Amino acid sequence: MSIDQAVQRAIVHYQAGRLQEAEKANRAVLQVQPNHAVANHNLGQIAMQAGNAALALPNLQSAWKRSPTNEMFCLTLTECLLQLDRPKDALRIIENAIRRKGFKSAQAKYLLQLASSIVAGEQTVSASEQLRMINDMQVTSAESEDAPTGTLLGMFSEPSFDEAQLLVNEGSIAD
């Protein structure tokens, strides 16, 4: 099985809610290519979904380092930093990405606003608590089994298998 096929298998497991299988498939990819951006990002997402942002951080940092133009990697890293109550770091990442990379999505704008307001002292609730409340609302308002859940980014849109496959095929996520 090729690396691309293993990554695709991990994505299919993740989308089907088989997180242990997804984790195992991503770890297998990292055994062969330790710096594989998508596998690192996917492991980070799984850890965040399990409520362990501290465990997710090294994987998300590795993914962002390997693919700094990938907006999804930046947004997930920013969300992780906010969950870890590191708003200054999150603000630095998202501000630079918007300014230098031209990210313009609703997710980027929201995370920029959230991090900015926390750093400015305008928030009465911590970033991690605010993100937790948003995720709780998302989970309780889900109307179907396959409604996106787990992270703030899922609230805006869940990347499809086709989108993930396109990233793999474009080579933008190879190590």
N, C-alpha and C. Protein backbone atom coordinates (compact mmCIF):
# COMPACT_ATOMS: atom_id res chain seq x y z
N MET A 1 0.86 -1.17 0.00
CA MET A 1 0.00 0.00 0.00
C MET A 1 0.91 1.24 0.00
N SER A 2 0.57 2.21 -0.84
CA SER A 2 1.34 3.44 -0.91
C SER A 2 1.01 4.35 0.28
N ILE A 3 1.85 5.35 0.48
CA ILE A 3 1.61 6.33 1.55
C ILE A 3 0.28 7.04 1.30
N ASP A 4 0.04 7.45 0.06
CA ASP A 4 -1.22 8.13 -0.26
C ASP A 4 -2.43 7.26 0.05
N GLN A 5 -2.33 5.97 -0.24
CA GLN A 5 -3.44 5.06 0.06
C GLN A 5 -3.62 4.91 1.57
N ALA A 6 -2.53 4.86 2.30
CA ALA A 6 -2.62 4.75 3.76
C ALA A 6 -3.26 6.01 4.36
N VAL A 7 -2.89 7.17 3.83
CA VAL A 7 -3.49 8.42 4.30
C VAL A 7 -4.98 8.43 3.97
N GLN A 8 -5.33 8.02 2.79
CA GLN A 8 -6.74 7.97 2.40
C GLN A 8 -7.52 7.00 3.28
N ARG A 9 -6.91 5.88 3.61
CA ARG A 9 -7.56 4.92 4.51
C ARG A 9 -7.81 5.54 5.88
N ALA A 10 -6.82 6.28 6.37
CA ALA A 10 -6.96 6.96 7.67
C ALA A 10 -8.10 7.97 7.62
N ILE A 11 -8.21 8.69 6.52
CA ILE A 11 -9.28 9.69 6.37
C ILE A 11 -10.65 9.01 6.36
N VAL A 12 -10.75 7.91 5.66
CA VAL A 12 -12.02 7.17 5.62
C VAL A 12 -12.40 6.69 7.02
N HIS A 13 -11.43 6.16 7.75
CA HIS A 13 -11.70 5.72 9.13
C HIS A 13 -12.17 6.91 9.98
N TYR A 14 -11.49 8.03 9.86
CA TYR A 14 -11.84 9.21 10.64
C TYR A 14 -13.26 9.67 10.33
N GLN A 15 -13.57 9.77 9.05
CA GLN A 15 -14.90 10.23 8.66
C GLN A 15 -16.00 9.27 9.10
N ALA A 16 -15.66 8.00 9.23
CA ALA A 16 -16.63 7.01 9.68
C ALA A 16 -16.71 6.93 11.20
N GLY A 17 -15.90 7.75 11.88
CA GLY A 17 -15.94 7.75 13.34
C GLY A 17 -15.10 6.66 13.98
N ARG A 18 -14.30 5.98 13.19
CA ARG A 18 -13.42 4.91 13.72
C ARG A 18 -12.06 5.54 14.07
N LEU A 19 -12.06 6.26 15.18
CA LEU A 19 -10.88 7.06 15.53
C LEU A 19 -9.66 6.22 15.86
N GLN A 20 -9.85 5.08 16.50
CA GLN A 20 -8.69 4.22 16.81
C GLN A 20 -8.03 3.71 15.54
N GLU A 21 -8.85 3.30 14.57
CA GLU A 21 -8.31 2.82 13.30
C GLU A 21 -7.63 3.96 12.55
N ALA A 22 -8.23 5.15 12.61
CA ALA A 22 -7.65 6.32 11.95
C ALA A 22 -6.30 6.66 12.58
N GLU A 23 -6.26 6.62 13.91
CA GLU A 23 -5.01 6.91 14.61
C GLU A 23 -3.94 5.89 14.21
N LYS A 24 -4.31 4.63 14.20
CA LYS A 24 -3.36 3.57 13.85
C LYS A 24 -2.83 3.75 12.42
N ALA A 25 -3.71 4.08 11.49
CA ALA A 25 -3.29 4.28 10.09
C ALA A 25 -2.38 5.49 9.96
N ASN A 26 -2.69 6.57 10.67
CA ASN A 26 -1.82 7.76 10.62
C ASN A 26 -0.46 7.47 11.24
N ARG A 27 -0.45 6.74 12.33
CA ARG A 27 0.83 6.40 12.96
C ARG A 27 1.68 5.51 12.04
N ALA A 28 1.02 4.64 11.30
CA ALA A 28 1.74 3.79 10.34
C ALA A 28 2.40 4.65 9.26
N VAL A 29 1.70 5.68 8.80
CA VAL A 29 2.28 6.60 7.82
C VAL A 29 3.50 7.29 8.42
N LEU A 30 3.38 7.74 9.67
CA LEU A 30 4.47 8.47 10.30
C LEU A 30 5.68 7.58 10.59
N GLN A 31 5.46 6.26 10.68
CA GLN A 31 6.58 5.34 10.83
C GLN A 31 7.47 5.38 9.59
N VAL A 32 6.84 5.56 8.43
CA VAL A 32 7.56 5.58 7.16
C VAL A 32 8.02 7.01 6.81
N GLN A 33 7.14 7.97 7.04
CA GLN A 33 7.44 9.38 6.75
C GLN A 33 7.09 10.23 7.98
N PRO A 34 8.02 10.36 8.92
CA PRO A 34 7.73 11.04 10.18
C PRO A 34 7.26 12.49 10.03
N ASN A 35 7.58 13.12 8.93
CA ASN A 35 7.20 14.52 8.73
C ASN A 35 5.99 14.68 7.81
N HIS A 36 5.26 13.63 7.58
CA HIS A 36 4.11 13.71 6.67
C HIS A 36 3.07 14.67 7.26
N ALA A 37 2.80 15.75 6.53
CA ALA A 37 1.95 16.83 7.05
C ALA A 37 0.53 16.36 7.35
N VAL A 38 -0.08 15.64 6.44
CA VAL A 38 -1.48 15.23 6.64
C VAL A 38 -1.61 14.25 7.80
N ALA A 39 -0.72 13.28 7.87
CA ALA A 39 -0.79 12.31 8.97
C ALA A 39 -0.60 13.01 10.31
N ASN A 40 0.33 13.95 10.37
CA ASN A 40 0.52 14.71 11.62
C ASN A 40 -0.72 15.52 11.94
N HIS A 41 -1.28 16.19 10.95
CA HIS A 41 -2.49 16.99 11.18
C HIS A 41 -3.64 16.10 11.65
N ASN A 42 -3.81 14.97 10.99
CA ASN A 42 -4.90 14.07 11.35
C ASN A 42 -4.75 13.56 12.79
N LEU A 43 -3.54 13.20 13.19
CA LEU A 43 -3.33 12.77 14.58
C LEU A 43 -3.65 13.90 15.55
N GLY A 44 -3.28 15.10 15.18
CA GLY A 44 -3.61 16.25 16.02
C GLY A 44 -5.10 16.45 16.16
N GLN A 45 -5.82 16.31 15.06
CA GLN A 45 -7.27 16.44 15.11
C GLN A 45 -7.90 15.37 15.98
N ILE A 46 -7.41 14.16 15.88
CA ILE A 46 -7.94 13.07 16.70
C ILE A 46 -7.71 13.37 18.18
N ALA A 47 -6.52 13.83 18.52
CA ALA A 47 -6.22 14.16 19.92
C ALA A 47 -7.10 15.31 20.41
N MET A 48 -7.32 16.32 19.56
CA MET A 48 -8.19 17.42 19.97
C MET A 48 -9.62 16.95 20.16
N GLN A 49 -10.08 16.09 19.28
CA GLN A 49 -11.43 15.57 19.40
C GLN A 49 -11.59 14.78 20.70
N ALA A 50 -10.51 14.15 21.14
CA ALA A 50 -10.53 13.41 22.40
C ALA A 50 -10.34 14.33 23.60
N GLY A 51 -10.20 15.63 23.34
CA GLY A 51 -10.07 16.59 24.43
C GLY A 51 -8.65 16.75 24.93
N ASN A 52 -7.66 16.36 24.13
CA ASN A 52 -6.27 16.42 24.58
C ASN A 52 -5.46 17.34 23.66
N ALA A 53 -5.67 18.64 23.81
CA ALA A 53 -4.98 19.62 22.98
C ALA A 53 -3.46 19.57 23.19
N ALA A 54 -3.03 19.29 24.40
CA ALA A 54 -1.59 19.22 24.67
C ALA A 54 -0.92 18.12 23.86
N LEU A 55 -1.59 16.99 23.73
CA LEU A 55 -1.07 15.89 22.92
C LEU A 55 -1.11 16.25 21.44
N ALA A 56 -2.09 17.01 21.03
CA ALA A 56 -2.26 17.39 19.62
C ALA A 56 -1.21 18.38 19.14
N LEU A 57 -0.75 19.24 20.04
CA LEU A 57 0.10 20.36 19.64
C LEU A 57 1.33 19.99 18.82
N PRO A 58 2.17 19.03 19.23
CA PRO A 58 3.36 18.73 18.42
C PRO A 58 3.02 18.27 17.01
N ASN A 59 1.97 17.48 16.87
CA ASN A 59 1.57 17.02 15.53
C ASN A 59 1.08 18.18 14.68
N LEU A 60 0.29 19.06 15.27
CA LEU A 60 -0.24 20.20 14.52
C LEU A 60 0.87 21.17 14.15
N GLN A 61 1.83 21.37 15.03
CA GLN A 61 2.96 22.23 14.71
C GLN A 61 3.78 21.64 13.57
N SER A 62 3.97 20.33 13.58
CA SER A 62 4.72 19.67 12.52
C SER A 62 4.00 19.81 11.17
N ALA A 63 2.69 19.62 11.18
CA ALA A 63 1.92 19.75 9.94
C ALA A 63 2.03 21.16 9.39
N TRP A 64 1.87 22.17 10.24
CA TRP A 64 1.94 23.57 9.82
C TRP A 64 3.34 23.91 9.31
N LYS A 65 4.36 23.39 9.98
CA LYS A 65 5.74 23.65 9.56
C LYS A 65 6.00 23.08 8.18
N ARG A 66 5.47 21.91 7.91
CA ARG A 66 5.70 21.23 6.63
C ARG A 66 4.85 21.81 5.50
N SER A 67 3.73 22.39 5.85
CA SER A 67 2.82 22.91 4.82
C SER A 67 2.22 24.24 5.28
N PRO A 68 3.05 25.29 5.32
CA PRO A 68 2.61 26.57 5.89
C PRO A 68 1.59 27.33 5.05
N THR A 69 1.29 26.86 3.86
CA THR A 69 0.25 27.52 3.07
C THR A 69 -1.10 26.83 3.19
N ASN A 70 -1.15 25.77 3.96
CA ASN A 70 -2.40 25.03 4.13
C ASN A 70 -3.24 25.70 5.22
N GLU A 71 -4.32 26.32 4.82
CA GLU A 71 -5.14 27.08 5.76
C GLU A 71 -5.73 26.19 6.85
N MET A 72 -6.19 25.01 6.49
CA MET A 72 -6.79 24.12 7.48
C MET A 72 -5.77 23.79 8.58
N PHE A 73 -4.51 23.57 8.22
CA PHE A 73 -3.49 23.25 9.22
C PHE A 73 -3.29 24.44 10.16
N CYS A 74 -3.27 25.64 9.60
CA CYS A 74 -3.11 26.85 10.41
C CYS A 74 -4.28 27.03 11.37
N LEU A 75 -5.48 26.84 10.87
CA LEU A 75 -6.66 27.05 11.70
C LEU A 75 -6.74 26.04 12.83
N THR A 76 -6.41 24.80 12.54
CA THR A 76 -6.44 23.78 13.59
C THR A 76 -5.38 24.07 14.65
N LEU A 77 -4.19 24.49 14.21
CA LEU A 77 -3.14 24.85 15.16
C LEU A 77 -3.58 26.03 16.02
N THR A 78 -4.19 27.03 15.40
CA THR A 78 -4.67 28.20 16.14
C THR A 78 -5.71 27.79 17.17
N GLU A 79 -6.65 26.95 16.77
CA GLU A 79 -7.67 26.48 17.71
C GLU A 79 -7.03 25.72 18.86
N CYS A 80 -6.05 24.90 18.56
CA CYS A 80 -5.36 24.13 19.61
C CYS A 80 -4.69 25.07 20.61
N LEU A 81 -4.00 26.08 20.10
CA LEU A 81 -3.34 27.04 21.00
C LEU A 81 -4.36 27.77 21.87
N LEU A 82 -5.50 28.10 21.31
CA LEU A 82 -6.55 28.73 22.12
C LEU A 82 -7.07 27.78 23.19
N GLN A 83 -7.24 26.51 22.83
CA GLN A 83 -7.69 25.54 23.82
C GLN A 83 -6.68 25.37 24.94
N LEU A 84 -5.42 25.60 24.64
CA LEU A 84 -4.37 25.50 25.65
C LEU A 84 -4.18 26.82 26.40
N ASP A 85 -5.10 27.75 26.18
CA ASP A 85 -5.03 29.08 26.79
C ASP A 85 -3.71 29.78 26.48
N ARG A 86 -3.34 29.72 25.21
CA ARG A 86 -2.16 30.42 24.70
C ARG A 86 -2.60 31.41 23.62
N PRO A 87 -3.43 32.39 23.99
CA PRO A 87 -4.00 33.29 22.99
C PRO A 87 -2.97 34.16 22.27
N LYS A 88 -1.88 34.55 22.93
CA LYS A 88 -0.86 35.36 22.25
C LYS A 88 -0.21 34.58 21.13
N ASP A 89 0.09 33.31 21.38
CA ASP A 89 0.66 32.46 20.33
C ASP A 89 -0.34 32.25 19.20
N ALA A 90 -1.60 32.02 19.58
CA ALA A 90 -2.64 31.82 18.57
C ALA A 90 -2.80 33.08 17.71
N LEU A 91 -2.80 34.22 18.35
CA LEU A 91 -2.96 35.49 17.63
C LEU A 91 -1.79 35.70 16.67
N ARG A 92 -0.58 35.44 17.12
CA ARG A 92 0.59 35.59 16.25
C ARG A 92 0.47 34.70 15.01
N ILE A 93 0.09 33.46 15.20
CA ILE A 93 -0.05 32.51 14.08
C ILE A 93 -1.12 32.99 13.10
N ILE A 94 -2.30 33.30 13.60
CA ILE A 94 -3.41 33.63 12.70
C ILE A 94 -3.21 35.00 12.05
N GLU A 95 -2.65 35.96 12.78
CA GLU A 95 -2.38 37.27 12.16
C GLU A 95 -1.37 37.15 11.02
N ASN A 96 -0.29 36.42 11.26
CA ASN A 96 0.71 36.22 10.21
C ASN A 96 0.14 35.48 9.01
N ALA A 97 -0.68 34.49 9.27
CA ALA A 97 -1.27 33.71 8.17
C ALA A 97 -2.21 34.57 7.33
N ILE A 98 -2.99 35.40 7.99
CA ILE A 98 -3.91 36.26 7.25
C ILE A 98 -3.12 37.30 6.46
N ARG A 99 -2.13 37.90 7.09
CA ARG A 99 -1.35 38.95 6.44
C ARG A 99 -0.45 38.39 5.33
N ARG A 100 0.27 37.33 5.62
CA ARG A 100 1.26 36.82 4.66
C ARG A 100 0.71 35.81 3.66
N LYS A 101 -0.27 35.04 4.08
CA LYS A 101 -0.79 33.98 3.21
C LYS A 101 -2.12 34.36 2.57
N GLY A 102 -2.75 35.41 3.09
CA GLY A 102 -4.01 35.87 2.51
C GLY A 102 -5.22 35.04 2.89
N PHE A 103 -5.16 34.31 4.00
CA PHE A 103 -6.31 33.52 4.42
C PHE A 103 -7.49 34.47 4.69
N LYS A 104 -8.66 34.13 4.16
CA LYS A 104 -9.83 35.01 4.28
C LYS A 104 -11.09 34.28 4.72
N SER A 105 -10.99 33.05 5.11
CA SER A 105 -12.18 32.27 5.44
C SER A 105 -12.87 32.79 6.69
N ALA A 106 -14.11 32.39 6.86
CA ALA A 106 -14.86 32.74 8.07
C ALA A 106 -14.18 32.19 9.31
N GLN A 107 -13.60 30.99 9.21
CA GLN A 107 -12.90 30.40 10.34
C GLN A 107 -11.72 31.26 10.75
N ALA A 108 -10.93 31.71 9.77
CA ALA A 108 -9.75 32.53 10.07
C ALA A 108 -10.17 33.84 10.73
N LYS A 109 -11.20 34.45 10.19
CA LYS A 109 -11.68 35.72 10.76
C LYS A 109 -12.20 35.52 12.19
N TYR A 110 -12.92 34.44 12.41
CA TYR A 110 -13.44 34.17 13.76
C TYR A 110 -12.30 33.94 14.75
N LEU A 111 -11.33 33.11 14.38
CA LEU A 111 -10.23 32.82 15.28
C LEU A 111 -9.38 34.07 15.54
N LEU A 112 -9.21 34.91 14.53
CA LEU A 112 -8.51 36.17 14.71
C LEU A 112 -9.25 37.06 15.71
N GLN A 113 -10.56 37.17 15.54
CA GLN A 113 -11.36 37.99 16.45
C GLN A 113 -11.31 37.44 17.87
N LEU A 114 -11.44 36.13 18.02
CA LEU A 114 -11.41 35.52 19.34
C LEU A 114 -10.07 35.73 20.03
N ALA A 115 -8.99 35.42 19.32
CA ALA A 115 -7.66 35.59 19.91
C ALA A 115 -7.39 37.06 20.24
N SER A 116 -7.76 37.96 19.35
CA SER A 116 -7.55 39.39 19.59
C SER A 116 -8.30 39.87 20.82
N SER A 117 -9.55 39.45 20.95
CA SER A 117 -10.35 39.91 22.09
C SER A 117 -9.83 39.34 23.41
N ILE A 118 -9.28 38.14 23.38
CA ILE A 118 -8.72 37.56 24.60
C ILE A 118 -7.44 38.29 25.00
N VAL A 119 -6.57 38.51 24.02
CA VAL A 119 -5.32 39.21 24.30
C VAL A 119 -5.60 40.63 24.79
N ALA A 120 -6.63 41.28 24.24
CA ALA A 120 -6.98 42.64 24.64
C ALA A 120 -7.71 42.68 25.98
N GLY A 121 -8.03 41.52 26.54
CA GLY A 121 -8.71 41.45 27.82
C GLY A 121 -10.21 41.70 27.74
N GLU A 122 -10.78 41.55 26.55
CA GLU A 122 -12.21 41.80 26.35
C GLU A 122 -13.07 40.57 26.61
N GLN A 123 -12.47 39.42 26.79
CA GLN A 123 -13.21 38.18 27.01
C GLN A 123 -13.30 37.90 28.51
N THR A 124 -14.48 37.53 28.96
CA THR A 124 -14.64 37.14 30.36
C THR A 124 -14.52 35.64 30.53
N VAL A 125 -14.60 34.90 29.43
CA VAL A 125 -14.48 33.45 29.45
C VAL A 125 -13.20 33.10 28.71
N SER A 126 -12.46 32.11 29.22
CA SER A 126 -11.22 31.71 28.57
C SER A 126 -11.50 31.18 27.17
N ALA A 127 -10.49 31.20 26.33
CA ALA A 127 -10.62 30.70 24.96
C ALA A 127 -11.02 29.23 24.97
N SER A 128 -10.36 28.45 25.82
CA SER A 128 -10.68 27.02 25.84
C SER A 128 -12.13 26.78 26.24
N GLU A 129 -12.62 27.57 27.21
CA GLU A 129 -14.02 27.42 27.64
C GLU A 129 -14.97 27.87 26.53
N GLN A 130 -14.64 28.96 25.86
CA GLN A 130 -15.51 29.43 24.77
C GLN A 130 -15.55 28.41 23.63
N LEU A 131 -14.41 27.85 23.26
CA LEU A 131 -14.38 26.83 22.21
C LEU A 131 -15.13 25.58 22.66
N ARG A 132 -15.01 25.23 23.93
CA ARG A 132 -15.74 24.07 24.45
C ARG A 132 -17.25 24.30 24.37
N MET A 133 -17.70 25.50 24.70
CA MET A 133 -19.13 25.81 24.63
C MET A 133 -19.63 25.74 23.18
N ILE A 134 -18.83 26.26 22.25
CA ILE A 134 -19.22 26.21 20.83
C ILE A 134 -19.30 24.76 20.38
N ASN A 135 -18.31 23.96 20.75
CA ASN A 135 -18.32 22.55 20.36
C ASN A 135 -19.50 21.82 20.99
N ASP A 136 -19.85 22.14 22.25
CA ASP A 136 -21.00 21.51 22.90
C ASP A 136 -22.29 21.87 22.17
N MET A 137 -22.42 23.13 21.77
CA MET A 137 -23.61 23.55 21.01
C MET A 137 -23.67 22.80 19.69
N GLN A 138 -22.53 22.64 19.06
CA GLN A 138 -22.46 21.96 17.79
C GLN A 138 -22.91 20.51 17.92
N VAL A 139 -22.44 19.83 18.96
CA VAL A 139 -22.78 18.44 19.18
C VAL A 139 -24.28 18.30 19.50
N THR A 140 -24.80 19.16 20.36
CA THR A 140 -26.20 19.03 20.76
C THR A 140 -27.16 19.44 19.65
N SER A 141 -26.68 20.26 18.71
CA SER A 141 -27.57 20.69 17.63
C SER A 141 -27.45 19.81 16.39
N ALA A 142 -26.57 18.83 16.43
CA ALA A 142 -26.41 17.96 15.26
C ALA A 142 -27.71 17.22 14.98
N GLU A 143 -28.12 17.26 13.73
CA GLU A 143 -29.39 16.65 13.37
C GLU A 143 -29.24 15.28 12.74
N SER A 144 -28.00 14.92 12.41
CA SER A 144 -27.81 13.61 11.81
C SER A 144 -26.51 13.01 12.33
N GLU A 145 -26.34 11.71 12.09
CA GLU A 145 -25.15 11.02 12.55
C GLU A 145 -23.89 11.60 11.93
N ASP A 146 -23.99 12.03 10.67
CA ASP A 146 -22.78 12.49 10.01
C ASP A 146 -22.62 14.00 10.05
N ALA A 147 -23.30 14.68 10.96
CA ALA A 147 -23.07 16.11 11.13
C ALA A 147 -21.68 16.31 11.71
N PRO A 148 -20.96 17.32 11.24
CA PRO A 148 -19.60 17.52 11.72
C PRO A 148 -19.58 17.82 13.22
N THR A 149 -18.67 17.17 13.93
CA THR A 149 -18.51 17.40 15.36
C THR A 149 -17.05 17.34 15.71
N GLY A 150 -16.72 17.73 16.92
CA GLY A 150 -15.38 17.52 17.43
C GLY A 150 -14.54 18.75 17.59
N THR A 151 -14.51 19.64 16.63
CA THR A 151 -13.71 20.84 16.74
C THR A 151 -14.48 22.02 16.19
N LEU A 152 -14.01 23.20 16.52
CA LEU A 152 -14.63 24.42 16.01
C LEU A 152 -14.65 24.42 14.50
N LEU A 153 -13.60 23.94 13.87
CA LEU A 153 -13.53 23.96 12.42
C LEU A 153 -14.66 23.15 11.80
N GLY A 154 -15.09 22.10 12.47
CA GLY A 154 -16.20 21.31 11.97
C GLY A 154 -17.49 22.09 11.94
N MET A 155 -17.59 23.13 12.76
CA MET A 155 -18.78 23.96 12.79
C MET A 155 -18.96 24.69 11.47
N PHE A 156 -17.87 25.06 10.84
CA PHE A 156 -17.94 25.81 9.59
C PHE A 156 -18.10 24.87 8.40
N SER A 157 -17.27 23.85 8.34
CA SER A 157 -17.38 22.86 7.27
C SER A 157 -16.45 21.71 7.58
N GLU A 158 -16.88 20.53 7.25
CA GLU A 158 -16.07 19.34 7.44
C GLU A 158 -15.43 19.02 6.09
N PRO A 159 -14.10 18.92 6.03
CA PRO A 159 -13.49 18.61 4.76
C PRO A 159 -13.96 17.24 4.26
N SER A 160 -14.26 17.19 3.00
CA SER A 160 -14.75 15.93 2.43
C SER A 160 -13.58 15.06 2.03
N PHE A 161 -13.86 13.81 1.81
CA PHE A 161 -12.85 12.89 1.35
C PHE A 161 -12.28 13.39 0.03
N ASP A 162 -13.15 13.91 -0.85
CA ASP A 162 -12.69 14.43 -2.14
C ASP A 162 -11.70 15.56 -1.96
N GLU A 163 -11.97 16.46 -1.00
CA GLU A 163 -11.05 17.56 -0.74
C GLU A 163 -9.72 17.03 -0.22
N ALA A 164 -9.78 16.06 0.67
CA ALA A 164 -8.55 15.47 1.20
C ALA A 164 -7.77 14.77 0.10
N GLN A 165 -8.49 14.07 -0.76
CA GLN A 165 -7.84 13.38 -1.87
C GLN A 165 -7.17 14.39 -2.80
N LEU A 166 -7.83 15.51 -3.03
CA LEU A 166 -7.27 16.55 -3.88
C LEU A 166 -5.96 17.07 -3.28
N LEU A 167 -5.93 17.28 -1.97
CA LEU A 167 -4.70 17.72 -1.32
C LEU A 167 -3.59 16.70 -1.51
N VAL A 168 -3.92 15.43 -1.35
CA VAL A 168 -2.92 14.37 -1.53
C VAL A 168 -2.43 14.38 -2.96
N ASN A 169 -3.34 14.45 -3.93
CA ASN A 169 -2.97 14.39 -5.33
C ASN A 169 -2.19 15.61 -5.78
N GLU A 170 -2.47 16.78 -5.19
CA GLU A 170 -1.74 18.00 -5.55
C GLU A 170 -0.32 17.97 -5.01
N GLY A 171 -0.06 17.09 -4.06
CA GLY A 171 1.26 17.03 -3.48
C GLY A 171 1.50 18.10 -2.44
N SER A 172 0.47 18.87 -2.11
CA SER A 172 0.65 19.95 -1.14
C SER A 172 0.76 19.42 0.28
N ILE A 173 0.54 18.13 0.45
CA ILE A 173 0.62 17.59 1.80
C ILE A 173 1.68 16.51 1.93
N ALA A 174 2.47 16.32 0.90
CA ALA A 174 3.55 15.37 1.01
C ALA A 174 4.65 15.97 1.88
N ASP A 175 5.53 15.12 2.44
CA ASP A 175 6.52 15.69 3.36
C ASP A 175 7.65 16.36 2.66
